[in-house]
Amino acid sequence: MFAVGLGALPGMMTGQILSGVSPLIAVRYQIMVMGIIFRSG
Protein backbone atom coordinates (compact mmCIF):
# COMPACT_ATOMS: atom_id res chain seq x y z
CA MET A 1 0.00 0.00 0.00
CA PHE A 2 2.91 2.34 0.69
CA ALA A 3 4.20 1.85 -2.86
CA VAL A 4 0.85 3.03 -4.25
CA GLY A 5 1.17 6.29 -2.33
CA LEU A 6 4.74 6.82 -3.51
CA GLY A 7 3.65 6.80 -7.15
CA ALA A 8 0.18 8.33 -7.12
CA LEU A 9 0.43 11.14 -4.61
CA PRO A 10 3.46 13.07 -5.93
CA GLY A 11 2.03 12.81 -9.44
CA MET A 12 -1.29 14.21 -8.29
CA MET A 13 0.36 17.11 -6.47
CA THR A 14 2.64 17.90 -9.42
CA GLY A 15 -0.30 17.88 -11.81
CA GLN A 16 -2.25 20.28 -9.63
CA ILE A 17 0.68 22.68 -9.30
CA LEU A 18 1.32 22.61 -13.05
CA SER A 19 -2.34 23.37 -13.73
CA GLY A 20 -2.15 26.52 -11.62
CA VAL A 21 -3.48 25.37 -8.24
CA SER A 22 -1.86 26.93 -5.18
CA PRO A 23 0.86 24.65 -3.74
CA LEU A 24 -0.76 24.86 -0.29
CA ILE A 25 -4.04 23.51 -1.66
CA ALA A 26 -2.18 20.76 -3.53
CA VAL A 27 -0.42 19.71 -0.30
CA ARG A 28 -3.75 19.67 1.56
CA TYR A 29 -5.24 17.34 -1.05
CA GLN A 30 -2.15 15.13 -0.86
CA ILE A 31 -2.40 14.83 2.93
CA MET A 32 -6.15 14.16 2.74
CA VAL A 33 -5.78 11.39 0.14
CA MET A 34 -2.85 9.85 2.04
CA GLY A 35 -4.98 9.73 5.19
CA ILE A 36 -7.85 8.08 3.31
CA ILE A 37 -5.50 5.45 1.85
CA PHE A 38 -3.98 4.61 5.24
CA ARG A 39 -7.35 4.45 7.01
CA SER A 40 -8.86 2.18 4.38
CA GLY A 41 -6.01 -0.33 4.60
C-alpha atoms as a PDB file:
ATOM      1  CA  MET A   1       0.000   0.000   0.000  1.00  0.00           C
ATOM      2  CA  PHE A   2       2.915   2.336   0.690  1.00  0.00           C
ATOM      3  CA  ALA A   3       4.199   1.847  -2.865  1.00  0.00           C
ATOM      4  CA  VAL A   4       0.852   3.026  -4.253  1.00  0.00           C
ATOM      5  CA  GLY A   5       1.171   6.286  -2.335  1.00  0.00           C
ATOM      6  CA  LEU A   6       4.740   6.823  -3.508  1.00  0.00           C
ATOM      7  CA  GLY A   7       3.649   6.804  -7.146  1.00  0.00           C
ATOM      8  CA  ALA A   8       0.185   8.326  -7.121  1.00  0.00           C
ATOM      9  CA  LEU A   9       0.433  11.145  -4.610  1.00  0.00           C
ATOM     10  CA  PRO A  10       3.457  13.068  -5.930  1.00  0.00           C
ATOM     11  CA  GLY A  11       2.032  12.810  -9.440  1.00  0.00           C
ATOM     12  CA  MET A  12      -1.293  14.212  -8.290  1.00  0.00           C
ATOM     13  CA  MET A  13       0.362  17.105  -6.472  1.00  0.00           C
ATOM     14  CA  THR A  14       2.645  17.896  -9.418  1.00  0.00           C
ATOM     15  CA  GLY A  15      -0.304  17.876 -11.808  1.00  0.00           C
ATOM     16  CA  GLN A  16      -2.254  20.279  -9.627  1.00  0.00           C
ATOM     17  CA  ILE A  17       0.683  22.683  -9.299  1.00  0.00           C
ATOM     18  CA  LEU A  18       1.324  22.611 -13.051  1.00  0.00           C
ATOM     19  CA  SER A  19      -2.338  23.368 -13.732  1.00  0.00           C
ATOM     20  CA  GLY A  20      -2.154  26.516 -11.617  1.00  0.00           C
ATOM     21  CA  VAL A  21      -3.483  25.375  -8.240  1.00  0.00           C
ATOM     22  CA  SER A  22      -1.856  26.927  -5.177  1.00  0.00           C
ATOM     23  CA  PRO A  23       0.860  24.654  -3.737  1.00  0.00           C
ATOM     24  CA  LEU A  24      -0.758  24.862  -0.290  1.00  0.00           C
ATOM     25  CA  ILE A  25      -4.038  23.511  -1.662  1.00  0.00           C
ATOM     26  CA  ALA A  26      -2.182  20.762  -3.531  1.00  0.00           C
ATOM     27  CA  VAL A  27      -0.423  19.714  -0.304  1.00  0.00           C
ATOM     28  CA  ARG A  28      -3.751  19.669   1.564  1.00  0.00           C
ATOM     29  CA  TYR A  29      -5.239  17.342  -1.049  1.00  0.00           C
ATOM     30  CA  GLN A  30      -2.152  15.127  -0.862  1.00  0.00           C
ATOM     31  CA  ILE A  31      -2.398  14.834   2.926  1.00  0.00           C
ATOM     32  CA  MET A  32      -6.146  14.158   2.742  1.00  0.00           C
ATOM     33  CA  VAL A  33      -5.777  11.392   0.144  1.00  0.00           C
ATOM     34  CA  MET A  34      -2.850   9.846   2.035  1.00  0.00           C
ATOM     35  CA  GLY A  35      -4.985   9.728   5.191  1.00  0.00           C
ATOM     36  CA  ILE A  36      -7.846   8.081   3.308  1.00  0.00           C
ATOM     37  CA  ILE A  37      -5.498   5.453   1.855  1.00  0.00           C
ATOM     38  CA  PHE A  38      -3.980   4.608   5.244  1.00  0.00           C
ATOM     39  CA  ARG A  39      -7.349   4.455   7.005  1.00  0.00           C
ATOM     40  CA  SER A  40      -8.856   2.182   4.376  1.00  0.00           C
ATOM     41  CA  GLY A  41      -6.009  -0.326   4.604  1.00  0.00           C
END
